[in-house]
C-alpha cells in the first residue's frame, strides 16, 4: 500500500469503513511532565476506534541515561509485534494535543521509518481534528492484537536517519550540515530556563532556531504546506539544499522538523537523537552558546 507522510481524518475514516485488512492505528500521545496529563489514561477514556497505545516511555533504550533514545532492533521489533504490527501493516499514528495538533506523532513516524517501515502516516491535526470533524470514538480497556507466529515485524535500522553527539560535535567545525533546533526561542537563546531542574540553558553552536510550532497552522493546527515550510526554514537561515540535522529538548519535536523537511522533499535529514538532554550534560562550556 502506498503511503504519504500525512493522512486526513476523512481519508482515515474511509479506510476504516472499508475495513482495510492491514490498517493499524496507534495513539502515540506523550505529554511534558509539566502538563500533568496521563496519556494512557486519556487513551482509555477516548480514542479512535481500534487504536492501540504506543508508549514512548517503554519503547526506548532503557540502558541509556538520556531520554527517548532509540531502542535496539530486537526490542523495537518485539514492541511492534505486541501491538499487532507486521512488515506488511499500514500504520497511522496520531496524538492528542489540542494546543499544537501535532507533537509526539512525528517522533513515532520517524522511529518506524528509521527501523525500515515506510508504510506509516501521521493523522494531520491529530485526535483534536478527528473530534472536530465528528468522527466516532471508543473507550474502555485496550484490545490487544498480537501478530501471529509466521508474520513478524523485522526491524532494519537505517543509521543515516539519525546522528550522535560526536557527529554533531564534529559538524560545529566542519559545518557539513545545518542544525535546526525545534525548542522555543526562549530556550534557544537562554532567556527562558530549561524545564529540567539544574540543567544548562543555551544551544549548540551555529545552530538555528526553528520552533516546531512554526511548522503548524496556528488556526487549524495542521502542518503548513511545503511552500510555507520552505519559507520557515529560509527565514531561519537554513538552506534546504544542504544536509540538515534537527534537534530539540529530548528528541520529540526534532521529529516535527524532520517531518517538515521531508514534506519539502528532503531525504538527507538526520535527527540528533540525544538532543539537548545529552548535549547539555556532555558538552563543555565552550560548546554551549547563550548569546
C-alpha atoms as a PDB file:
ATOM      1  CA  UNK A   1       0.000   0.000   0.000  1.00  0.00           C
ATOM      2  CA  UNK A   2       1.357   3.422  -0.959  1.00  0.00           C
ATOM      3  CA  UNK A   3       1.516   5.838   1.956  1.00  0.00           C
ATOM      4  CA  UNK A   4       2.137   9.539   2.349  1.00  0.00           C
ATOM      5  CA  UNK A   5       3.551  11.277   5.401  1.00  0.00           C
ATOM      6  CA  UNK A   6       0.200  12.859   6.272  1.00  0.00           C
ATOM      7  CA  UNK A   7      -3.320  11.485   6.138  1.00  0.00           C
ATOM      8  CA  UNK A   8      -6.505  13.490   6.632  1.00  0.00           C
ATOM      9  CA  UNK A   9      -9.218  12.457   9.096  1.00  0.00           C
ATOM     10  CA  UNK A  10     -11.763  11.912   6.315  1.00  0.00           C
ATOM     11  CA  UNK A  11      -9.418   9.576   4.441  1.00  0.00           C
ATOM     12  CA  UNK A  12      -8.649   7.565   7.577  1.00  0.00           C
ATOM     13  CA  UNK A  13     -12.359   7.187   8.329  1.00  0.00           C
ATOM     14  CA  UNK A  14     -12.961   5.932   4.782  1.00  0.00           C
ATOM     15  CA  UNK A  15     -10.234   3.322   5.197  1.00  0.00           C
ATOM     16  CA  UNK A  16     -11.740   2.189   8.488  1.00  0.00           C
ATOM     17  CA  UNK A  17     -15.177   1.804   6.906  1.00  0.00           C
ATOM     18  CA  UNK A  18     -13.615  -0.160   4.057  1.00  0.00           C
ATOM     19  CA  UNK A  19     -12.031  -2.425   6.691  1.00  0.00           C
ATOM     20  CA  UNK A  20      -8.587  -2.254   5.124  1.00  0.00           C
ATOM     21  CA  UNK A  21      -7.023  -5.520   6.249  1.00  0.00           C
ATOM     22  CA  UNK A  22      -3.572  -4.384   7.314  1.00  0.00           C
ATOM     23  CA  UNK A  23      -4.504  -0.960   8.726  1.00  0.00           C
ATOM     24  CA  UNK A  24      -3.214  -0.380  12.268  1.00  0.00           C
ATOM     25  CA  UNK A  25      -3.871   2.827  14.228  1.00  0.00           C
ATOM     26  CA  UNK A  26      -1.641   3.949  17.091  1.00  0.00           C
ATOM     27  CA  UNK A  27      -2.297   6.616  19.699  1.00  0.00           C
ATOM     28  CA  UNK A  28       1.250   7.803  20.380  1.00  0.00           C
ATOM     29  CA  UNK A  29       0.386  10.671  22.717  1.00  0.00           C
ATOM     30  CA  UNK A  30       3.127  11.894  25.028  1.00  0.00           C
ATOM     31  CA  UNK A  31       2.969  14.992  27.216  1.00  0.00           C
ATOM     32  CA  UNK A  32       5.566  17.041  29.025  1.00  0.00           C
ATOM     33  CA  UNK A  33       5.693  16.271  32.764  1.00  0.00           C
ATOM     34  CA  UNK A  34       4.792  19.894  33.495  1.00  0.00           C
ATOM     35  CA  UNK A  35       1.391  19.370  31.838  1.00  0.00           C
ATOM     36  CA  UNK A  36       0.293  16.804  34.450  1.00  0.00           C
ATOM     37  CA  UNK A  37      -1.504  14.673  31.857  1.00  0.00           C
ATOM     38  CA  UNK A  38      -1.687  10.888  31.731  1.00  0.00           C
ATOM     39  CA  UNK A  39      -1.669   9.881  28.077  1.00  0.00           C
ATOM     40  CA  UNK A  40      -2.597   6.266  28.706  1.00  0.00           C
ATOM     41  CA  UNK A  41      -5.492   7.198  30.971  1.00  0.00           C
ATOM     42  CA  UNK A  42      -6.791   9.624  28.334  1.00  0.00           C
ATOM     43  CA  UNK A  43      -6.446   6.884  25.726  1.00  0.00           C
ATOM     44  CA  UNK A  44      -8.627   4.590  27.826  1.00  0.00           C
ATOM     45  CA  UNK A  45     -11.221   7.352  28.175  1.00  0.00           C
ATOM     46  CA  UNK A  46     -11.432   8.263  24.481  1.00  0.00           C
ATOM     47  CA  UNK A  47      -9.609   7.198  21.357  1.00  0.00           C
ATOM     48  CA  UNK A  48     -10.064   6.432  17.679  1.00  0.00           C
ATOM     49  CA  UNK A  49     -11.875   3.071  17.369  1.00  0.00           C
ATOM     50  CA  UNK A  50      -9.479   0.143  17.076  1.00  0.00           C
ATOM     51  CA  UNK A  51      -6.420   2.137  18.096  1.00  0.00           C
ATOM     52  CA  UNK A  52      -3.624   0.725  20.239  1.00  0.00           C
ATOM     53  CA  UNK A  53      -1.471   2.737  22.632  1.00  0.00           C
ATOM     54  CA  UNK A  54       2.195   3.280  21.803  1.00  0.00           C
ATOM     55  CA  UNK A  55       4.116   4.161  24.957  1.00  0.00           C
ATOM     56  CA  UNK A  56       7.196   6.297  24.320  1.00  0.00           C
ATOM     57  CA  UNK A  57       8.255   5.695  27.921  1.00  0.00           C
ATOM     58  CA  UNK A  58       8.559   1.963  27.209  1.00  0.00           C
ATOM     59  CA  UNK A  59       9.799   1.903  23.631  1.00  0.00           C
ATOM     60  CA  UNK A  60      13.273   3.320  24.113  1.00  0.00           C
ATOM     61  CA  UNK A  61      16.820   2.382  25.084  1.00  0.00           C
ATOM     62  CA  UNK A  62      16.456   1.646  28.772  1.00  0.00           C
ATOM     63  CA  UNK A  63      20.235   1.372  29.186  1.00  0.00           C
ATOM     64  CA  UNK A  64      20.803   4.992  28.122  1.00  0.00           C
ATOM     65  CA  UNK A  65      20.998   7.852  30.645  1.00  0.00           C
ATOM     66  CA  UNK A  66      19.271  10.094  28.095  1.00  0.00           C
ATOM     67  CA  UNK A  67      15.543  10.277  27.428  1.00  0.00           C
ATOM     68  CA  UNK A  68      13.749   8.646  24.482  1.00  0.00           C
ATOM     69  CA  UNK A  69      16.829   7.204  22.775  1.00  0.00           C
ATOM     70  CA  UNK A  70      16.071   4.658  20.068  1.00  0.00           C
ATOM     71  CA  UNK A  71      15.831   1.056  21.305  1.00  0.00           C
ATOM     72  CA  UNK A  72      17.759  -1.734  19.618  1.00  0.00           C
ATOM     73  CA  UNK A  73      16.242  -3.512  16.621  1.00  0.00           C
ATOM     74  CA  UNK A  74      15.128  -6.575  18.580  1.00  0.00           C
ATOM     75  CA  UNK A  75      13.347  -4.576  21.258  1.00  0.00           C
ATOM     76  CA  UNK A  76      11.648  -2.402  18.661  1.00  0.00           C
ATOM     77  CA  UNK A  77      10.585  -5.443  16.640  1.00  0.00           C
ATOM     78  CA  UNK A  78       9.161  -7.116  19.750  1.00  0.00           C
ATOM     79  CA  UNK A  79       7.278  -3.985  20.713  1.00  0.00           C
ATOM     80  CA  UNK A  80       5.746  -3.583  17.258  1.00  0.00           C
ATOM     81  CA  UNK A  81       4.735  -7.224  17.296  1.00  0.00           C
ATOM     82  CA  UNK A  82       2.986  -6.734  20.650  1.00  0.00           C
ATOM     83  CA  UNK A  83       0.879  -4.016  19.011  1.00  0.00           C
ATOM     84  CA  UNK A  84      -0.240  -6.297  16.212  1.00  0.00           C
ATOM     85  CA  UNK A  85       2.043  -4.731  13.603  1.00  0.00           C
ATOM     86  CA  UNK A  86       4.000  -6.667  10.990  1.00  0.00           C
ATOM     87  CA  UNK A  87       6.077  -5.626   7.996  1.00  0.00           C
ATOM     88  CA  UNK A  88       3.012  -5.510   5.768  1.00  0.00           C
ATOM     89  CA  UNK A  89       0.998  -3.241   8.070  1.00  0.00           C
ATOM     90  CA  UNK A  90      -0.030   0.269   7.088  1.00  0.00           C
ATOM     91  CA  UNK A  91       0.326   2.276  10.296  1.00  0.00           C
ATOM     92  CA  UNK A  92      -1.415   5.563  11.093  1.00  0.00           C
ATOM     93  CA  UNK A  93      -0.131   7.404  14.148  1.00  0.00           C
ATOM     94  CA  UNK A  94      -1.778  10.275  15.991  1.00  0.00           C
ATOM     95  CA  UNK A  95      -1.501  12.191  19.219  1.00  0.00           C
ATOM     96  CA  UNK A  96      -3.929  14.074  21.430  1.00  0.00           C
ATOM     97  CA  UNK A  97      -2.568  17.596  21.667  1.00  0.00           C
ATOM     98  CA  UNK A  98      -5.153  20.349  21.260  1.00  0.00           C
ATOM     99  CA  UNK A  99      -2.542  23.087  21.668  1.00  0.00           C
ATOM    100  CA  UNK A 100      -0.473  22.195  18.609  1.00  0.00           C
ATOM    101  CA  UNK A 101      -2.327  19.407  16.770  1.00  0.00           C
ATOM    102  CA  UNK A 102       0.935  17.509  16.311  1.00  0.00           C
ATOM    103  CA  UNK A 103       3.564  16.931  18.961  1.00  0.00           C
ATOM    104  CA  UNK A 104       4.712  13.358  19.562  1.00  0.00           C
ATOM    105  CA  UNK A 105       3.243  11.643  16.475  1.00  0.00           C
ATOM    106  CA  UNK A 106       6.129  12.700  14.184  1.00  0.00           C
ATOM    107  CA  UNK A 107       8.534  11.008  16.623  1.00  0.00           C
ATOM    108  CA  UNK A 108       6.915   7.601  16.139  1.00  0.00           C
ATOM    109  CA  UNK A 109       6.532   8.216  12.377  1.00  0.00           C
ATOM    110  CA  UNK A 110      10.273   8.857  12.297  1.00  0.00           C
ATOM    111  CA  UNK A 111      11.076   5.848  14.516  1.00  0.00           C
ATOM    112  CA  UNK A 112       9.160   3.455  12.269  1.00  0.00           C
ATOM    113  CA  UNK A 113      10.912   4.784   9.186  1.00  0.00           C
ATOM    114  CA  UNK A 114      14.297   4.664  10.936  1.00  0.00           C
ATOM    115  CA  UNK A 115      13.652   0.974  11.549  1.00  0.00           C
ATOM    116  CA  UNK A 116      12.794   0.379   7.899  1.00  0.00           C
ATOM    117  CA  UNK A 117       8.983   0.605   7.979  1.00  0.00           C
ATOM    118  CA  UNK A 118       7.945   3.125   5.334  1.00  0.00           C
ATOM    119  CA  UNK A 119       4.207   2.348   5.359  1.00  0.00           C
ATOM    120  CA  UNK A 120       3.336   4.892   8.027  1.00  0.00           C
ATOM    121  CA  UNK A 121       1.364   8.147   8.024  1.00  0.00           C
ATOM    122  CA  UNK A 122       0.524  10.823  10.593  1.00  0.00           C
ATOM    123  CA  UNK A 123      -3.067  11.899  11.159  1.00  0.00           C
ATOM    124  CA  UNK A 124      -2.849  15.596  10.285  1.00  0.00           C
ATOM    125  CA  UNK A 125      -4.300  17.623  13.148  1.00  0.00           C
ATOM    126  CA  UNK A 126      -4.303  14.596  15.426  1.00  0.00           C
ATOM    127  CA  UNK A 127      -7.127  13.492  17.699  1.00  0.00           C
ATOM    128  CA  UNK A 128      -8.484  17.062  18.103  1.00  0.00           C
ATOM    129  CA  UNK A 129      -9.057  17.204  14.332  1.00  0.00           C
ATOM    130  CA  UNK A 130     -10.755  13.801  14.436  1.00  0.00           C
ATOM    131  CA  UNK A 131     -13.105  15.061  17.142  1.00  0.00           C
ATOM    132  CA  UNK A 132     -13.741  18.372  15.387  1.00  0.00           C
ATOM    133  CA  UNK A 133     -14.917  16.548  12.271  1.00  0.00           C
ATOM    134  CA  UNK A 134     -17.386  14.495  14.287  1.00  0.00           C
ATOM    135  CA  UNK A 135     -15.974  11.028  13.754  1.00  0.00           C
ATOM    136  CA  UNK A 136     -16.692   8.265  16.297  1.00  0.00           C
ATOM    137  CA  UNK A 137     -14.597   7.394  19.308  1.00  0.00           C
ATOM    138  CA  UNK A 138     -14.440   4.465  21.708  1.00  0.00           C
ATOM    139  CA  UNK A 139     -13.426   3.992  25.321  1.00  0.00           C
ATOM    140  CA  UNK A 140     -12.563   1.228  27.735  1.00  0.00           C
ATOM    141  CA  UNK A 141      -9.639  -1.199  28.063  1.00  0.00           C
ATOM    142  CA  UNK A 142      -7.429  -1.651  25.033  1.00  0.00           C
ATOM    143  CA  UNK A 143      -7.970  -4.767  22.935  1.00  0.00           C
ATOM    144  CA  UNK A 144      -4.589  -6.378  22.390  1.00  0.00           C
ATOM    145  CA  UNK A 145      -3.873  -7.701  18.902  1.00  0.00           C
ATOM    146  CA  UNK A 146      -0.605  -9.589  18.692  1.00  0.00           C
ATOM    147  CA  UNK A 147       0.889 -10.753  15.421  1.00  0.00           C
ATOM    148  CA  UNK A 148       0.556 -14.482  14.957  1.00  0.00           C
ATOM    149  CA  UNK A 149       3.622 -16.669  14.523  1.00  0.00           C
ATOM    150  CA  UNK A 150       4.935 -16.656  10.991  1.00  0.00           C
ATOM    151  CA  UNK A 151       4.193 -12.964  10.367  1.00  0.00           C
ATOM    152  CA  UNK A 152       6.683 -10.997  12.464  1.00  0.00           C
ATOM    153  CA  UNK A 153       7.861  -7.402  12.408  1.00  0.00           C
ATOM    154  CA  UNK A 154      11.522  -7.408  11.418  1.00  0.00           C
ATOM    155  CA  UNK A 155      13.251  -4.062  12.016  1.00  0.00           C
ATOM    156  CA  UNK A 156      16.223  -2.931   9.958  1.00  0.00           C
ATOM    157  CA  UNK A 157      17.901   0.186  11.326  1.00  0.00           C
ATOM    158  CA  UNK A 158      18.770   2.979   8.883  1.00  0.00           C
ATOM    159  CA  UNK A 159      21.681   4.756  10.579  1.00  0.00           C
ATOM    160  CA  UNK A 160      21.547   7.624   8.063  1.00  0.00           C
ATOM    161  CA  UNK A 161      18.359   8.912   9.670  1.00  0.00           C
ATOM    162  CA  UNK A 162      19.941   9.920  12.974  1.00  0.00           C
ATOM    163  CA  UNK A 163      23.220  11.109  14.411  1.00  0.00           C
ATOM    164  CA  UNK A 164      25.025  11.107  17.745  1.00  0.00           C
ATOM    165  CA  UNK A 165      26.939  13.518  19.960  1.00  0.00           C
ATOM    166  CA  UNK A 166      30.270  13.032  18.158  1.00  0.00           C
ATOM    167  CA  UNK A 167      28.696  13.636  14.749  1.00  0.00           C
ATOM    168  CA  UNK A 168      27.131  16.909  15.902  1.00  0.00           C
ATOM    169  CA  UNK A 169      30.339  17.984  17.661  1.00  0.00           C
ATOM    170  CA  UNK A 170      32.396  17.407  14.515  1.00  0.00           C
ATOM    171  CA  UNK A 171      29.846  19.329  12.481  1.00  0.00           C
ATOM    172  CA  UNK A 172      30.489  22.507  14.501  1.00  0.00           C
ATOM    173  CA  UNK A 173      33.895  22.956  12.860  1.00  0.00           C
ATOM    174  CA  UNK A 174      33.174  21.235   9.551  1.00  0.00           C
ATOM    175  CA  UNK A 175      29.636  22.645   9.166  1.00  0.00           C
ATOM    176  CA  UNK A 176      28.669  19.975   6.668  1.00  0.00           C
ATOM    177  CA  UNK A 177      25.059  20.236   7.853  1.00  0.00           C
ATOM    178  CA  UNK A 178      22.744  22.972   9.029  1.00  0.00           C
ATOM    179  CA  UNK A 179      21.369  22.360  12.545  1.00  0.00           C
ATOM    180  CA  UNK A 180      17.736  23.302  13.279  1.00  0.00           C
ATOM    181  CA  UNK A 181      16.581  23.479  16.919  1.00  0.00           C
ATOM    182  CA  UNK A 182      12.856  22.882  17.494  1.00  0.00           C
ATOM    183  CA  UNK A 183      12.738  24.284  21.046  1.00  0.00           C
ATOM    184  CA  UNK A 184      11.137  27.634  21.807  1.00  0.00           C
ATOM    185  CA  UNK A 185      13.145  30.759  21.045  1.00  0.00           C
ATOM    186  CA  UNK A 186      13.378  31.486  24.774  1.00  0.00           C
ATOM    187  CA  UNK A 187      15.096  28.193  25.473  1.00  0.00           C
ATOM    188  CA  UNK A 188      17.279  28.501  22.366  1.00  0.00           C
ATOM    189  CA  UNK A 189      18.553  31.963  23.339  1.00  0.00           C
ATOM    190  CA  UNK A 190      18.763  31.042  27.058  1.00  0.00           C
ATOM    191  CA  UNK A 191      16.312  33.746  28.113  1.00  0.00           C
ATOM    192  CA  UNK A 192      13.950  31.083  29.482  1.00  0.00           C
ATOM    193  CA  UNK A 193      15.092  28.310  31.838  1.00  0.00           C
ATOM    194  CA  UNK A 194      15.140  24.690  30.807  1.00  0.00           C
ATOM    195  CA  UNK A 195      12.203  22.648  32.191  1.00  0.00           C
ATOM    196  CA  UNK A 196      14.601  20.186  33.780  1.00  0.00           C
ATOM    197  CA  UNK A 197      15.903  21.355  37.191  1.00  0.00           C
ATOM    198  CA  UNK A 198      19.548  22.475  37.352  1.00  0.00           C
ATOM    199  CA  UNK A 199      20.018  21.963  33.629  1.00  0.00           C
ATOM    200  CA  UNK A 200      22.181  24.296  31.481  1.00  0.00           C
ATOM    201  CA  UNK A 201      20.491  26.712  29.091  1.00  0.00           C
ATOM    202  CA  UNK A 202      21.665  27.610  25.624  1.00  0.00           C
ATOM    203  CA  UNK A 203      22.163  25.981  22.257  1.00  0.00           C
ATOM    204  CA  UNK A 204      24.544  24.057  20.031  1.00  0.00           C
ATOM    205  CA  UNK A 205      26.997  26.441  18.329  1.00  0.00           C
ATOM    206  CA  UNK A 206      25.970  27.512  14.801  1.00  0.00           C
ATOM    207  CA  UNK A 207      22.508  26.006  15.195  1.00  0.00           C
ATOM    208  CA  UNK A 208      19.413  27.890  14.043  1.00  0.00           C
ATOM    209  CA  UNK A 209      16.151  28.451  15.918  1.00  0.00           C
ATOM    210  CA  UNK A 210      13.126  26.862  14.216  1.00  0.00           C
ATOM    211  CA  UNK A 211      10.443  26.412  16.913  1.00  0.00           C
ATOM    212  CA  UNK A 212       8.356  23.424  15.885  1.00  0.00           C
ATOM    213  CA  UNK A 213       5.147  25.447  16.304  1.00  0.00           C
ATOM    214  CA  UNK A 214       6.156  27.498  13.265  1.00  0.00           C
ATOM    215  CA  UNK A 215       5.570  24.399  11.131  1.00  0.00           C
ATOM    216  CA  UNK A 216       1.892  24.241  12.104  1.00  0.00           C
ATOM    217  CA  UNK A 217      -1.012  26.405  11.020  1.00  0.00           C
ATOM    218  CA  UNK A 218      -1.918  28.425  14.143  1.00  0.00           C
ATOM    219  CA  UNK A 219      -5.651  28.211  13.408  1.00  0.00           C
ATOM    220  CA  UNK A 220      -6.223  24.688  12.050  1.00  0.00           C
ATOM    221  CA  UNK A 221      -3.280  23.007  13.876  1.00  0.00           C
ATOM    222  CA  UNK A 222      -2.382  21.027  10.737  1.00  0.00           C
ATOM    223  CA  UNK A 223       1.010  21.058   9.053  1.00  0.00           C
ATOM    224  CA  UNK A 224       1.721  24.007   6.799  1.00  0.00           C
ATOM    225  CA  UNK A 225       2.096  23.487   3.058  1.00  0.00           C
ATOM    226  CA  UNK A 226       5.531  22.623   1.624  1.00  0.00           C
ATOM    227  CA  UNK A 227       5.823  26.159   0.250  1.00  0.00           C
ATOM    228  CA  UNK A 228       5.108  27.626   3.676  1.00  0.00           C
ATOM    229  CA  UNK A 229       7.516  25.215   5.348  1.00  0.00           C
ATOM    230  CA  UNK A 230      10.298  26.120   2.932  1.00  0.00           C
ATOM    231  CA  UNK A 231       9.840  29.754   3.945  1.00  0.00           C
ATOM    232  CA  UNK A 232      10.005  28.803   7.636  1.00  0.00           C
ATOM    233  CA  UNK A 233      13.412  27.218   7.079  1.00  0.00           C
ATOM    234  CA  UNK A 234      14.538  30.036   4.778  1.00  0.00           C
ATOM    235  CA  UNK A 235      13.587  32.705   7.332  1.00  0.00           C
ATOM    236  CA  UNK A 236      15.676  30.831   9.923  1.00  0.00           C
ATOM    237  CA  UNK A 237      18.716  30.980   7.638  1.00  0.00           C
ATOM    238  CA  UNK A 238      18.608  27.323   6.621  1.00  0.00           C
ATOM    239  CA  UNK A 239      19.362  26.307   3.053  1.00  0.00           C
ATOM    240  CA  UNK A 240      17.468  23.070   2.393  1.00  0.00           C
ATOM    241  CA  UNK A 241      19.905  22.197  -0.375  1.00  0.00           C
ATOM    242  CA  UNK A 242      22.370  21.412   2.400  1.00  0.00           C
ATOM    243  CA  UNK A 243      22.072  18.332   4.680  1.00  0.00           C
ATOM    244  CA  UNK A 244      20.113  19.013   7.854  1.00  0.00           C
ATOM    245  CA  UNK A 245      20.313  17.927  11.488  1.00  0.00           C
ATOM    246  CA  UNK A 246      17.281  18.509  13.695  1.00  0.00           C
ATOM    247  CA  UNK A 247      17.395  18.718  17.479  1.00  0.00           C
ATOM    248  CA  UNK A 248      15.201  19.755  20.410  1.00  0.00           C
ATOM    249  CA  UNK A 249      14.988  19.019  24.133  1.00  0.00           C
ATOM    250  CA  UNK A 250      14.797  15.207  24.165  1.00  0.00           C
ATOM    251  CA  UNK A 251      14.288  14.106  20.556  1.00  0.00           C
ATOM    252  CA  UNK A 252      10.489  14.515  20.310  1.00  0.00           C
ATOM    253  CA  UNK A 253       9.817  17.794  18.491  1.00  0.00           C
ATOM    254  CA  UNK A 254      13.040  17.462  16.495  1.00  0.00           C
ATOM    255  CA  UNK A 255      10.961  14.968  14.533  1.00  0.00           C
ATOM    256  CA  UNK A 256       8.395  17.670  13.712  1.00  0.00           C
ATOM    257  CA  UNK A 257      11.207  19.471  11.901  1.00  0.00           C
ATOM    258  CA  UNK A 258      12.289  16.202  10.300  1.00  0.00           C
ATOM    259  CA  UNK A 259       8.715  15.789   9.043  1.00  0.00           C
ATOM    260  CA  UNK A 260       8.654  19.379   7.793  1.00  0.00           C
ATOM    261  CA  UNK A 261      11.873  18.871   5.841  1.00  0.00           C
ATOM    262  CA  UNK A 262      10.528  15.590   4.445  1.00  0.00           C
ATOM    263  CA  UNK A 263       7.416  17.402   3.205  1.00  0.00           C
ATOM    264  CA  UNK A 264       9.781  19.859   1.496  1.00  0.00           C
ATOM    265  CA  UNK A 265      11.334  16.954  -0.401  1.00  0.00           C
ATOM    266  CA  UNK A 266      14.457  16.381   1.696  1.00  0.00           C
ATOM    267  CA  UNK A 267      15.709  12.837   2.200  1.00  0.00           C
ATOM    268  CA  UNK A 268      19.002  13.582   3.977  1.00  0.00           C
ATOM    269  CA  UNK A 269      17.768  14.933   7.319  1.00  0.00           C
ATOM    270  CA  UNK A 270      19.193  13.383  10.478  1.00  0.00           C
ATOM    271  CA  UNK A 271      17.631  13.641  13.920  1.00  0.00           C
ATOM    272  CA  UNK A 272      20.075  14.195  16.769  1.00  0.00           C
ATOM    273  CA  UNK A 273      18.560  11.544  18.999  1.00  0.00           C
ATOM    274  CA  UNK A 274      20.159  12.679  22.263  1.00  0.00           C
ATOM    275  CA  UNK A 275      19.300  16.338  21.593  1.00  0.00           C
ATOM    276  CA  UNK A 276      19.715  18.917  24.375  1.00  0.00           C
ATOM    277  CA  UNK A 277      19.300  16.346  27.168  1.00  0.00           C
ATOM    278  CA  UNK A 278      22.565  14.765  26.030  1.00  0.00           C
ATOM    279  CA  UNK A 279      24.318  17.894  24.770  1.00  0.00           C
ATOM    280  CA  UNK A 280      23.684  19.814  27.976  1.00  0.00           C
ATOM    281  CA  UNK A 281      25.248  17.036  30.038  1.00  0.00           C
ATOM    282  CA  UNK A 282      28.203  16.148  27.816  1.00  0.00           C
ATOM    283  CA  UNK A 283      29.269  19.337  26.065  1.00  0.00           C
ATOM    284  CA  UNK A 284      31.976  21.549  27.530  1.00  0.00           C
ATOM    285  CA  UNK A 285      31.086  25.163  28.339  1.00  0.00           C
ATOM    286  CA  UNK A 286      32.671  26.431  25.122  1.00  0.00           C
ATOM    287  CA  UNK A 287      30.254  24.212  23.148  1.00  0.00           C
ATOM    288  CA  UNK A 288      27.176  25.871  24.640  1.00  0.00           C
ATOM    289  CA  UNK A 289      26.191  29.226  23.162  1.00  0.00           C
ATOM    290  CA  UNK A 290      23.962  31.597  25.100  1.00  0.00           C
ATOM    291  CA  UNK A 291      24.084  34.896  23.211  1.00  0.00           C
END
